[in-house]
Amino acid sequence: MSGLDEILNLIEAQQKQTEDSLIKAAVNKANAIKAEGDKKAQKAYDDFMKKSTAQAEKDYENSCNSADAAMKRRILACKVELIDQAVEKTVSKLRELPDKEYFELIAKLTESHIQSGKGVISFGGKDIARLPADFESRLNDLAKKKGGEIALSKEAADIDDGFILTYGLISENCSFRSIIESEKEAVRDTAARVLFG
């Protein structure tokens, strides 16, 4: 082998060694970049999963709260409807009382609304037709206890039940519907206690 061949072989060996060294360095660099990329990708994935899990839990909680609120609103609406039905049944039963009991109730209601002075009491057409003969004098006996006087109106009031009591320019509607409306919250509270405990 000549000296030239030896030099060429030496150059070739050095070149091969340099190539191997460069390839090894490039592979190491690529592996380091890949490892760094995998690490960043894993961190990004973990962060995303943590945020999305927290958001999913929050969305689930909000959905549960929303469903719970909707259910409570429906239950409340149902209770209000049942209470209103109970009130309507009560009004119907009061209207359908036998005449004696009905006018006893009217007398008690009138007594609690009588004032001193001269008043006029008006009834609906149906009640005027069934008034007891002595009812005006009974009301006047109650009125006298408070220093008042009651006259029975001959004209029918535009009410289905109860009465309208007028003193001068001030009239008080004491129909069952009006009394219930004025005491709506107390009536509903009472009905709720009876119906739902």
N, C-alpha and C. Protein backbone atom coordinates (compact mmCIF):
# COMPACT_ATOMS: atom_id res chain seq x y z
N MET A 1 0.84 -1.16 0.00
CA MET A 1 0.00 0.00 0.00
C MET A 1 0.89 1.23 0.00
N SER A 2 0.57 2.13 -0.86
CA SER A 2 1.44 3.30 -0.98
C SER A 2 1.07 4.34 0.06
N GLY A 3 1.90 5.27 0.20
CA GLY A 3 1.68 6.34 1.17
C GLY A 3 0.43 7.13 0.84
N LEU A 4 0.14 7.24 -0.43
CA LEU A 4 -1.06 7.98 -0.85
C LEU A 4 -2.30 7.25 -0.40
N ASP A 5 -2.27 5.92 -0.56
CA ASP A 5 -3.42 5.13 -0.13
C ASP A 5 -3.62 5.25 1.38
N GLU A 6 -2.52 5.28 2.09
CA GLU A 6 -2.61 5.40 3.54
C GLU A 6 -3.21 6.75 3.91
N ILE A 7 -2.81 7.79 3.23
CA ILE A 7 -3.34 9.14 3.51
C ILE A 7 -4.83 9.16 3.18
N LEU A 8 -5.20 8.57 2.07
CA LEU A 8 -6.61 8.53 1.68
C LEU A 8 -7.43 7.73 2.69
N ASN A 9 -6.88 6.61 3.12
CA ASN A 9 -7.57 5.80 4.12
C ASN A 9 -7.72 6.57 5.44
N LEU A 10 -6.67 7.30 5.80
CA LEU A 10 -6.70 8.09 7.04
C LEU A 10 -7.74 9.20 6.92
N ILE A 11 -7.76 9.84 5.78
CA ILE A 11 -8.75 10.92 5.56
C ILE A 11 -10.15 10.34 5.59
N GLU A 12 -10.30 9.20 4.94
CA GLU A 12 -11.61 8.55 4.91
C GLU A 12 -12.05 8.14 6.31
N ALA A 13 -11.11 7.64 7.11
CA ALA A 13 -11.44 7.23 8.47
C ALA A 13 -11.82 8.44 9.31
N GLN A 14 -11.06 9.53 9.12
CA GLN A 14 -11.37 10.75 9.88
C GLN A 14 -12.74 11.31 9.45
N GLN A 15 -12.97 11.24 8.14
CA GLN A 15 -14.25 11.73 7.62
C GLN A 15 -15.41 10.90 8.19
N LYS A 16 -15.23 9.58 8.22
CA LYS A 16 -16.24 8.67 8.77
C LYS A 16 -16.46 8.98 10.24
N GLN A 17 -15.34 9.20 10.98
CA GLN A 17 -15.43 9.51 12.40
C GLN A 17 -16.16 10.85 12.59
N THR A 18 -15.85 11.81 11.75
CA THR A 18 -16.50 13.14 11.84
C THR A 18 -17.98 13.00 11.52
N GLU A 19 -18.30 12.22 10.48
CA GLU A 19 -19.70 11.99 10.10
C GLU A 19 -20.45 11.32 11.25
N ASP A 20 -19.84 10.27 11.83
CA ASP A 20 -20.47 9.57 12.95
C ASP A 20 -20.70 10.51 14.12
N SER A 21 -19.68 11.35 14.35
CA SER A 21 -19.76 12.31 15.46
C SER A 21 -20.88 13.31 15.21
N LEU A 22 -20.97 13.80 13.95
CA LEU A 22 -22.02 14.77 13.59
C LEU A 22 -23.40 14.11 13.67
N ILE A 23 -23.48 12.88 13.15
CA ILE A 23 -24.77 12.17 13.19
C ILE A 23 -25.19 11.91 14.63
N LYS A 24 -24.22 11.49 15.46
CA LYS A 24 -24.52 11.23 16.87
C LYS A 24 -24.97 12.51 17.57
N ALA A 25 -24.27 13.61 17.27
CA ALA A 25 -24.63 14.90 17.87
C ALA A 25 -26.02 15.32 17.40
N ALA A 26 -26.29 15.11 16.10
CA ALA A 26 -27.60 15.48 15.54
C ALA A 26 -28.70 14.62 16.17
N VAL A 27 -28.43 13.31 16.31
CA VAL A 27 -29.41 12.41 16.94
C VAL A 27 -29.67 12.83 18.38
N ASN A 28 -28.58 13.13 19.11
CA ASN A 28 -28.72 13.58 20.50
C ASN A 28 -29.52 14.88 20.58
N LYS A 29 -29.20 15.80 19.66
CA LYS A 29 -29.91 17.09 19.63
C LYS A 29 -31.38 16.86 19.31
N ALA A 30 -31.65 15.98 18.33
CA ALA A 30 -33.03 15.67 17.95
C ALA A 30 -33.78 15.02 19.12
N ASN A 31 -33.09 14.10 19.81
CA ASN A 31 -33.70 13.45 20.98
C ASN A 31 -33.99 14.46 22.08
N ALA A 32 -33.05 15.41 22.28
CA ALA A 32 -33.23 16.44 23.31
C ALA A 32 -34.41 17.34 22.94
N ILE A 33 -34.48 17.72 21.65
CA ILE A 33 -35.60 18.57 21.18
C ILE A 33 -36.91 17.81 21.34
N LYS A 34 -36.90 16.52 20.94
CA LYS A 34 -38.12 15.69 21.07
C LYS A 34 -38.53 15.57 22.53
N ALA A 35 -37.56 15.33 23.42
CA ALA A 35 -37.85 15.19 24.85
C ALA A 35 -38.43 16.50 25.39
N GLU A 36 -37.80 17.62 24.98
CA GLU A 36 -38.29 18.93 25.42
C GLU A 36 -39.70 19.17 24.89
N GLY A 37 -39.94 18.81 23.62
CA GLY A 37 -41.27 18.95 23.01
C GLY A 37 -42.29 18.06 23.71
N ASP A 38 -41.89 16.81 24.02
CA ASP A 38 -42.79 15.90 24.73
C ASP A 38 -43.15 16.45 26.11
N LYS A 39 -42.11 17.02 26.77
CA LYS A 39 -42.32 17.59 28.11
C LYS A 39 -43.29 18.77 28.04
N LYS A 40 -43.09 19.66 27.06
CA LYS A 40 -43.98 20.82 26.90
C LYS A 40 -45.39 20.38 26.51
N ALA A 41 -45.44 19.38 25.61
CA ALA A 41 -46.74 18.87 25.17
C ALA A 41 -47.48 18.25 26.35
N GLN A 42 -46.76 17.48 27.19
CA GLN A 42 -47.38 16.85 28.36
C GLN A 42 -47.89 17.92 29.33
N LYS A 43 -47.06 18.98 29.53
CA LYS A 43 -47.47 20.07 30.44
C LYS A 43 -48.70 20.78 29.89
N ALA A 44 -48.68 21.05 28.58
CA ALA A 44 -49.84 21.70 27.96
C ALA A 44 -51.07 20.81 28.09
N TYR A 45 -50.91 19.51 27.87
CA TYR A 45 -52.01 18.56 28.00
C TYR A 45 -52.54 18.54 29.43
N ASP A 46 -51.60 18.46 30.40
CA ASP A 46 -51.99 18.43 31.82
C ASP A 46 -52.74 19.71 32.21
N ASP A 47 -52.19 20.86 31.75
CA ASP A 47 -52.84 22.15 32.05
C ASP A 47 -54.24 22.20 31.43
N PHE A 48 -54.33 21.75 30.17
CA PHE A 48 -55.62 21.75 29.48
C PHE A 48 -56.61 20.84 30.20
N MET A 49 -56.15 19.64 30.58
CA MET A 49 -57.04 18.69 31.27
C MET A 49 -57.48 19.24 32.62
N LYS A 50 -56.56 19.91 33.32
CA LYS A 50 -56.89 20.49 34.63
C LYS A 50 -57.95 21.57 34.46
N LYS A 51 -57.73 22.47 33.47
CA LYS A 51 -58.69 23.55 33.23
C LYS A 51 -60.02 23.01 32.74
N SER A 52 -59.97 22.07 31.80
CA SER A 52 -61.23 21.55 31.24
C SER A 52 -61.99 20.73 32.28
N THR A 53 -61.26 20.01 33.16
CA THR A 53 -61.92 19.26 34.23
C THR A 53 -62.59 20.23 35.21
N ALA A 54 -61.86 21.30 35.57
CA ALA A 54 -62.43 22.31 36.48
C ALA A 54 -63.66 22.96 35.83
N GLN A 55 -63.56 23.26 34.52
CA GLN A 55 -64.69 23.88 33.82
C GLN A 55 -65.86 22.92 33.73
N ALA A 56 -65.57 21.66 33.46
CA ALA A 56 -66.64 20.64 33.38
C ALA A 56 -67.34 20.50 34.73
N GLU A 57 -66.55 20.50 35.81
CA GLU A 57 -67.14 20.40 37.15
C GLU A 57 -68.00 21.62 37.45
N LYS A 58 -67.49 22.81 37.05
CA LYS A 58 -68.25 24.04 37.26
C LYS A 58 -69.55 24.02 36.44
N ASP A 59 -69.44 23.60 35.17
CA ASP A 59 -70.63 23.51 34.32
C ASP A 59 -71.63 22.51 34.88
N TYR A 60 -71.13 21.38 35.39
CA TYR A 60 -72.00 20.37 35.99
C TYR A 60 -72.71 20.94 37.22
N GLU A 61 -71.94 21.64 38.07
CA GLU A 61 -72.52 22.24 39.27
C GLU A 61 -73.57 23.28 38.89
N ASN A 62 -73.25 24.12 37.88
CA ASN A 62 -74.21 25.13 37.43
C ASN A 62 -75.47 24.48 36.87
N SER A 63 -75.29 23.40 36.11
CA SER A 63 -76.43 22.68 35.55
C SER A 63 -77.29 22.09 36.66
N CYS A 64 -76.63 21.51 37.67
CA CYS A 64 -77.37 20.95 38.82
C CYS A 64 -78.13 22.05 39.55
N ASN A 65 -77.46 23.19 39.78
CA ASN A 65 -78.11 24.30 40.46
C ASN A 65 -79.30 24.83 39.65
N SER A 66 -79.11 24.92 38.33
CA SER A 66 -80.17 25.39 37.45
C SER A 66 -81.35 24.43 37.47
N ALA A 67 -81.06 23.14 37.38
CA ALA A 67 -82.13 22.12 37.42
C ALA A 67 -82.84 22.15 38.77
N ASP A 68 -82.07 22.31 39.84
CA ASP A 68 -82.64 22.38 41.19
C ASP A 68 -83.56 23.59 41.31
N ALA A 69 -83.09 24.74 40.81
CA ALA A 69 -83.90 25.97 40.87
C ALA A 69 -85.17 25.81 40.04
N ALA A 70 -85.05 25.20 38.86
CA ALA A 70 -86.23 24.99 38.01
C ALA A 70 -87.22 24.05 38.71
N MET A 71 -86.70 23.01 39.35
CA MET A 71 -87.57 22.07 40.06
C MET A 71 -88.28 22.78 41.23
N LYS A 72 -87.53 23.61 41.96
CA LYS A 72 -88.13 24.33 43.08
C LYS A 72 -89.21 25.30 42.59
N ARG A 73 -88.94 25.96 41.43
CA ARG A 73 -89.95 26.87 40.87
C ARG A 73 -91.21 26.10 40.49
N ARG A 74 -91.03 24.92 39.90
CA ARG A 74 -92.20 24.11 39.51
C ARG A 74 -92.98 23.64 40.73
N ILE A 75 -92.25 23.22 41.77
CA ILE A 75 -92.91 22.79 43.00
C ILE A 75 -93.68 23.95 43.61
N LEU A 76 -93.04 25.13 43.64
CA LEU A 76 -93.70 26.32 44.19
C LEU A 76 -94.94 26.67 43.38
N ALA A 77 -94.82 26.64 42.04
CA ALA A 77 -95.97 26.93 41.18
C ALA A 77 -97.09 25.94 41.43
N CYS A 78 -96.73 24.67 41.62
CA CYS A 78 -97.73 23.64 41.91
C CYS A 78 -98.40 23.91 43.26
N LYS A 79 -97.59 24.28 44.25
CA LYS A 79 -98.15 24.58 45.58
C LYS A 79 -99.09 25.78 45.51
N VAL A 80 -98.65 26.83 44.79
CA VAL A 80 -99.49 28.03 44.66
C VAL A 80 -100.82 27.66 43.98
N GLU A 81 -100.73 26.82 42.94
CA GLU A 81 -101.94 26.39 42.24
C GLU A 81 -102.87 25.61 43.18
N LEU A 82 -102.29 24.71 43.99
CA LEU A 82 -103.09 23.95 44.95
C LEU A 82 -103.72 24.86 46.00
N ILE A 83 -102.94 25.85 46.45
CA ILE A 83 -103.46 26.81 47.44
C ILE A 83 -104.61 27.60 46.82
N ASP A 84 -104.41 28.08 45.58
CA ASP A 84 -105.47 28.85 44.92
C ASP A 84 -106.72 28.00 44.72
N GLN A 85 -106.54 26.71 44.39
CA GLN A 85 -107.69 25.82 44.25
C GLN A 85 -108.41 25.64 45.58
N ALA A 86 -107.62 25.52 46.67
CA ALA A 86 -108.22 25.38 48.00
C ALA A 86 -109.01 26.64 48.37
N VAL A 87 -108.44 27.82 48.02
CA VAL A 87 -109.13 29.09 48.30
C VAL A 87 -110.43 29.15 47.51
N GLU A 88 -110.37 28.76 46.21
CA GLU A 88 -111.58 28.77 45.37
C GLU A 88 -112.65 27.83 45.94
N LYS A 89 -112.24 26.65 46.40
CA LYS A 89 -113.19 25.71 46.99
C LYS A 89 -113.82 26.30 48.26
N THR A 90 -112.98 26.98 49.04
CA THR A 90 -113.47 27.60 50.27
C THR A 90 -114.51 28.67 49.96
N VAL A 91 -114.20 29.53 48.96
CA VAL A 91 -115.14 30.58 48.56
C VAL A 91 -116.45 29.95 48.09
N SER A 92 -116.35 28.89 47.29
CA SER A 92 -117.55 28.20 46.80
C SER A 92 -118.36 27.64 47.96
N LYS A 93 -117.67 27.01 48.93
CA LYS A 93 -118.38 26.46 50.09
C LYS A 93 -119.06 27.55 50.91
N LEU A 94 -118.39 28.70 51.06
CA LEU A 94 -118.99 29.82 51.80
C LEU A 94 -120.24 30.32 51.08
N ARG A 95 -120.15 30.42 49.74
CA ARG A 95 -121.30 30.89 48.96
C ARG A 95 -122.48 29.92 49.07
N GLU A 96 -122.17 28.64 49.20
CA GLU A 96 -123.21 27.61 49.20
C GLU A 96 -123.72 27.26 50.60
N LEU A 97 -123.27 28.00 51.61
CA LEU A 97 -123.77 27.74 52.97
C LEU A 97 -125.28 27.90 53.00
N PRO A 98 -125.95 27.16 53.86
CA PRO A 98 -127.39 27.39 54.04
C PRO A 98 -127.61 28.85 54.48
N ASP A 99 -128.76 29.40 54.12
CA ASP A 99 -129.02 30.83 54.38
C ASP A 99 -128.72 31.26 55.81
N LYS A 100 -129.17 30.47 56.79
CA LYS A 100 -128.96 30.84 58.20
C LYS A 100 -127.47 30.98 58.51
N GLU A 101 -126.68 29.97 58.13
CA GLU A 101 -125.23 30.00 58.41
C GLU A 101 -124.55 31.10 57.61
N TYR A 102 -124.98 31.28 56.36
CA TYR A 102 -124.38 32.31 55.51
C TYR A 102 -124.55 33.69 56.14
N PHE A 103 -125.76 34.00 56.58
CA PHE A 103 -126.00 35.34 57.12
C PHE A 103 -125.45 35.51 58.55
N GLU A 104 -125.24 34.39 59.26
CA GLU A 104 -124.51 34.47 60.53
C GLU A 104 -123.07 34.92 60.25
N LEU A 105 -122.47 34.32 59.22
CA LEU A 105 -121.11 34.70 58.81
C LEU A 105 -121.08 36.17 58.38
N ILE A 106 -122.06 36.59 57.59
CA ILE A 106 -122.13 37.99 57.12
C ILE A 106 -122.25 38.93 58.32
N ALA A 107 -123.07 38.54 59.31
CA ALA A 107 -123.23 39.39 60.50
C ALA A 107 -121.91 39.54 61.24
N LYS A 108 -121.17 38.44 61.38
CA LYS A 108 -119.86 38.51 62.06
C LYS A 108 -118.89 39.39 61.28
N LEU A 109 -118.88 39.24 59.97
CA LEU A 109 -118.01 40.08 59.14
C LEU A 109 -118.40 41.55 59.24
N THR A 110 -119.70 41.80 59.22
CA THR A 110 -120.19 43.18 59.31
C THR A 110 -119.78 43.80 60.64
N GLU A 111 -119.95 43.03 61.71
CA GLU A 111 -119.61 43.53 63.04
C GLU A 111 -118.15 43.99 63.12
N SER A 112 -117.26 43.27 62.45
CA SER A 112 -115.85 43.65 62.51
C SER A 112 -115.53 44.87 61.64
N HIS A 113 -116.46 45.28 60.77
CA HIS A 113 -116.21 46.43 59.89
C HIS A 113 -117.08 47.65 60.21
N ILE A 114 -118.03 47.48 61.14
CA ILE A 114 -118.92 48.59 61.49
C ILE A 114 -118.13 49.71 62.15
N GLN A 115 -118.53 50.94 61.83
CA GLN A 115 -117.92 52.14 62.43
C GLN A 115 -119.03 52.97 63.07
N SER A 116 -118.64 54.00 63.78
CA SER A 116 -119.65 54.91 64.30
C SER A 116 -120.15 55.76 63.13
N GLY A 117 -121.34 56.26 63.25
CA GLY A 117 -121.91 57.05 62.15
C GLY A 117 -122.91 56.23 61.37
N LYS A 118 -123.45 56.88 60.33
CA LYS A 118 -124.48 56.23 59.53
C LYS A 118 -123.84 55.54 58.33
N GLY A 119 -124.11 54.24 58.22
CA GLY A 119 -123.55 53.47 57.12
C GLY A 119 -124.65 52.84 56.28
N VAL A 120 -124.26 52.45 55.07
CA VAL A 120 -125.19 51.77 54.17
C VAL A 120 -124.53 50.45 53.78
N ILE A 121 -125.29 49.37 53.88
CA ILE A 121 -124.77 48.06 53.49
C ILE A 121 -125.48 47.61 52.22
N SER A 122 -124.68 47.13 51.25
CA SER A 122 -125.23 46.68 49.96
C SER A 122 -124.87 45.22 49.75
N PHE A 123 -125.83 44.47 49.21
CA PHE A 123 -125.62 43.06 48.91
C PHE A 123 -125.81 42.83 47.41
N GLY A 124 -125.31 41.72 46.93
CA GLY A 124 -125.55 41.32 45.55
C GLY A 124 -126.99 40.88 45.38
N GLY A 125 -127.46 40.83 44.14
CA GLY A 125 -128.85 40.49 43.85
C GLY A 125 -129.28 39.16 44.45
N LYS A 126 -128.43 38.16 44.37
CA LYS A 126 -128.76 36.83 44.88
C LYS A 126 -128.98 36.88 46.40
N ASP A 127 -128.12 37.66 47.10
CA ASP A 127 -128.25 37.74 48.56
C ASP A 127 -129.44 38.59 48.98
N ILE A 128 -129.76 39.63 48.21
CA ILE A 128 -130.93 40.46 48.55
C ILE A 128 -132.19 39.59 48.54
N ALA A 129 -132.26 38.69 47.57
CA ALA A 129 -133.45 37.83 47.43
C ALA A 129 -133.61 36.87 48.61
N ARG A 130 -132.55 36.56 49.31
CA ARG A 130 -132.65 35.58 50.40
C ARG A 130 -132.34 36.17 51.79
N LEU A 131 -132.31 37.50 51.89
CA LEU A 131 -132.05 38.14 53.18
C LEU A 131 -133.11 37.75 54.22
N PRO A 132 -132.67 37.41 55.43
CA PRO A 132 -133.66 37.16 56.49
C PRO A 132 -134.43 38.45 56.79
N ALA A 133 -135.67 38.31 57.17
CA ALA A 133 -136.53 39.48 57.38
C ALA A 133 -135.98 40.42 58.45
N ASP A 134 -135.38 39.89 59.49
CA ASP A 134 -134.91 40.73 60.61
C ASP A 134 -133.43 41.12 60.48
N PHE A 135 -132.83 40.91 59.32
CA PHE A 135 -131.37 41.09 59.21
C PHE A 135 -130.94 42.54 59.39
N GLU A 136 -131.71 43.49 58.84
CA GLU A 136 -131.34 44.91 58.98
C GLU A 136 -131.37 45.31 60.44
N SER A 137 -132.38 44.86 61.20
CA SER A 137 -132.45 45.23 62.62
C SER A 137 -131.32 44.56 63.40
N ARG A 138 -130.93 43.33 63.02
CA ARG A 138 -129.78 42.67 63.68
C ARG A 138 -128.50 43.47 63.45
N LEU A 139 -128.33 43.94 62.23
CA LEU A 139 -127.14 44.74 61.93
C LEU A 139 -127.16 46.05 62.69
N ASN A 140 -128.33 46.65 62.84
CA ASN A 140 -128.43 47.90 63.58
C ASN A 140 -128.15 47.69 65.06
N ASP A 141 -128.53 46.54 65.59
CA ASP A 141 -128.19 46.23 66.99
C ASP A 141 -126.67 46.18 67.15
N LEU A 142 -125.98 45.58 66.17
CA LEU A 142 -124.51 45.53 66.21
C LEU A 142 -123.92 46.93 66.06
N ALA A 143 -124.50 47.73 65.17
CA ALA A 143 -123.98 49.08 64.92
C ALA A 143 -124.14 49.98 66.14
N LYS A 144 -125.26 49.82 66.85
CA LYS A 144 -125.51 50.67 68.04
C LYS A 144 -124.43 50.48 69.08
N LYS A 145 -123.88 49.29 69.19
CA LYS A 145 -122.81 49.04 70.16
C LYS A 145 -121.57 49.89 69.86
N LYS A 146 -121.43 50.30 68.60
CA LYS A 146 -120.27 51.12 68.21
C LYS A 146 -120.69 52.56 67.91
N GLY A 147 -121.91 52.92 68.32
CA GLY A 147 -122.39 54.28 68.11
C GLY A 147 -122.73 54.56 66.66
N GLY A 148 -123.21 53.55 65.97
CA GLY A 148 -123.53 53.73 64.56
C GLY A 148 -124.92 53.29 64.21
N GLU A 149 -125.17 53.35 62.92
CA GLU A 149 -126.47 52.97 62.39
C GLU A 149 -126.23 52.41 60.98
N ILE A 150 -127.00 51.39 60.61
CA ILE A 150 -126.83 50.75 59.30
C ILE A 150 -128.16 50.76 58.56
N ALA A 151 -128.13 51.22 57.31
CA ALA A 151 -129.31 51.16 56.45
C ALA A 151 -129.02 50.13 55.36
N LEU A 152 -130.03 49.40 54.97
CA LEU A 152 -129.91 48.38 53.93
C LEU A 152 -130.22 49.02 52.58
N SER A 153 -129.26 48.93 51.64
CA SER A 153 -129.48 49.47 50.31
C SER A 153 -130.46 48.59 49.56
N LYS A 154 -131.38 49.24 48.83
CA LYS A 154 -132.36 48.48 48.04
C LYS A 154 -131.78 48.10 46.68
N GLU A 155 -130.68 48.74 46.29
CA GLU A 155 -130.05 48.43 45.00
C GLU A 155 -129.01 47.34 45.17
N ALA A 156 -128.99 46.44 44.21
CA ALA A 156 -128.03 45.34 44.27
C ALA A 156 -126.63 45.84 43.90
N ALA A 157 -125.65 45.38 44.67
CA ALA A 157 -124.24 45.71 44.38
C ALA A 157 -123.71 44.72 43.35
N ASP A 158 -122.67 45.10 42.66
CA ASP A 158 -122.08 44.24 41.62
C ASP A 158 -121.07 43.27 42.26
N ILE A 159 -121.58 42.41 43.14
CA ILE A 159 -120.75 41.41 43.83
C ILE A 159 -121.51 40.09 43.85
N ASP A 160 -120.79 39.00 44.00
CA ASP A 160 -121.41 37.67 44.04
C ASP A 160 -121.76 37.22 45.45
N ASP A 161 -121.06 37.76 46.43
CA ASP A 161 -121.26 37.33 47.81
C ASP A 161 -120.76 38.43 48.72
N GLY A 162 -120.96 38.25 50.03
CA GLY A 162 -120.48 39.26 50.98
C GLY A 162 -121.29 40.54 50.87
N PHE A 163 -120.63 41.67 51.11
CA PHE A 163 -121.34 42.95 51.13
C PHE A 163 -120.38 44.10 50.85
N ILE A 164 -120.96 45.27 50.62
CA ILE A 164 -120.18 46.51 50.52
C ILE A 164 -120.74 47.43 51.60
N LEU A 165 -119.85 47.92 52.44
CA LEU A 165 -120.25 48.79 53.55
C LEU A 165 -119.75 50.20 53.23
N THR A 166 -120.68 51.15 53.21
CA THR A 166 -120.33 52.52 52.81
C THR A 166 -120.62 53.49 53.95
N TYR A 167 -119.62 54.33 54.24
CA TYR A 167 -119.77 55.43 55.19
C TYR A 167 -119.39 56.70 54.45
N GLY A 168 -120.40 57.50 54.09
CA GLY A 168 -120.12 58.72 53.33
C GLY A 168 -119.55 58.39 51.97
N LEU A 169 -118.37 58.91 51.67
CA LEU A 169 -117.73 58.67 50.38
C LEU A 169 -116.80 57.45 50.38
N ILE A 170 -116.69 56.81 51.54
CA ILE A 170 -115.78 55.67 51.66
C ILE A 170 -116.56 54.36 51.67
N SER A 171 -116.22 53.51 50.71
CA SER A 171 -116.86 52.19 50.62
C SER A 171 -115.82 51.11 50.86
N GLU A 172 -116.24 50.09 51.58
CA GLU A 172 -115.35 48.96 51.83
C GLU A 172 -115.98 47.70 51.23
N ASN A 173 -115.26 47.12 50.28
CA ASN A 173 -115.75 45.92 49.61
C ASN A 173 -115.43 44.72 50.49
N CYS A 174 -116.45 44.08 51.01
CA CYS A 174 -116.27 42.91 51.88
C CYS A 174 -116.83 41.66 51.21
N SER A 175 -116.71 41.60 49.88
CA SER A 175 -117.05 40.35 49.21
C SER A 175 -115.95 39.35 49.56
N PHE A 176 -116.28 38.08 49.48
CA PHE A 176 -115.29 37.05 49.85
C PHE A 176 -114.02 37.20 49.01
N ARG A 177 -114.21 37.44 47.71
CA ARG A 177 -113.06 37.59 46.81
C ARG A 177 -112.19 38.77 47.24
N SER A 178 -112.84 39.90 47.57
CA SER A 178 -112.09 41.09 47.96
C SER A 178 -111.35 40.88 49.28
N ILE A 179 -112.01 40.22 50.23
CA ILE A 179 -111.36 39.94 51.52
C ILE A 179 -110.15 39.05 51.31
N ILE A 180 -110.31 38.02 50.47
CA ILE A 180 -109.19 37.12 50.20
C ILE A 180 -108.05 37.86 49.51
N GLU A 181 -108.39 38.73 48.54
CA GLU A 181 -107.34 39.49 47.84
C GLU A 181 -106.60 40.41 48.81
N SER A 182 -107.34 41.06 49.71
CA SER A 182 -106.67 41.99 50.64
C SER A 182 -105.82 41.26 51.67
N GLU A 183 -106.18 40.01 51.94
CA GLU A 183 -105.44 39.20 52.91
C GLU A 183 -104.72 38.04 52.22
N LYS A 184 -104.39 38.23 50.95
CA LYS A 184 -103.88 37.15 50.11
C LYS A 184 -102.71 36.39 50.75
N GLU A 185 -101.70 37.12 51.22
CA GLU A 185 -100.52 36.45 51.77
C GLU A 185 -100.86 35.66 53.03
N ALA A 186 -101.67 36.25 53.91
CA ALA A 186 -102.05 35.54 55.14
C ALA A 186 -102.89 34.31 54.80
N VAL A 187 -103.80 34.46 53.81
CA VAL A 187 -104.64 33.32 53.40
C VAL A 187 -103.77 32.23 52.80
N ARG A 188 -102.82 32.62 51.95
CA ARG A 188 -101.93 31.63 51.33
C ARG A 188 -101.06 30.93 52.37
N ASP A 189 -100.57 31.72 53.34
CA ASP A 189 -99.74 31.12 54.40
C ASP A 189 -100.55 30.09 55.19
N THR A 190 -101.78 30.46 55.53
CA THR A 190 -102.64 29.54 56.28
C THR A 190 -102.92 28.28 55.47
N ALA A 191 -103.28 28.49 54.20
CA ALA A 191 -103.59 27.35 53.33
C ALA A 191 -102.35 26.47 53.15
N ALA A 192 -101.17 27.09 53.02
CA ALA A 192 -99.92 26.33 52.85
C ALA A 192 -99.64 25.48 54.09
N ARG A 193 -99.88 26.04 55.27
CA ARG A 193 -99.64 25.28 56.51
C ARG A 193 -100.60 24.08 56.56
N VAL A 194 -101.86 24.30 56.19
CA VAL A 194 -102.84 23.22 56.23
C VAL A 194 -102.52 22.16 55.19
N LEU A 195 -102.17 22.60 53.96
CA LEU A 195 -101.91 21.65 52.88
C LEU A 195 -100.56 20.96 52.97
N PHE A 196 -99.53 21.71 53.39
CA PHE A 196 -98.16 21.18 53.31
C PHE A 196 -97.44 21.06 54.64
N GLY A 197 -98.12 21.40 55.72
CA GLY A 197 -97.53 21.21 57.03
C GLY A 197 -96.57 22.22 57.42
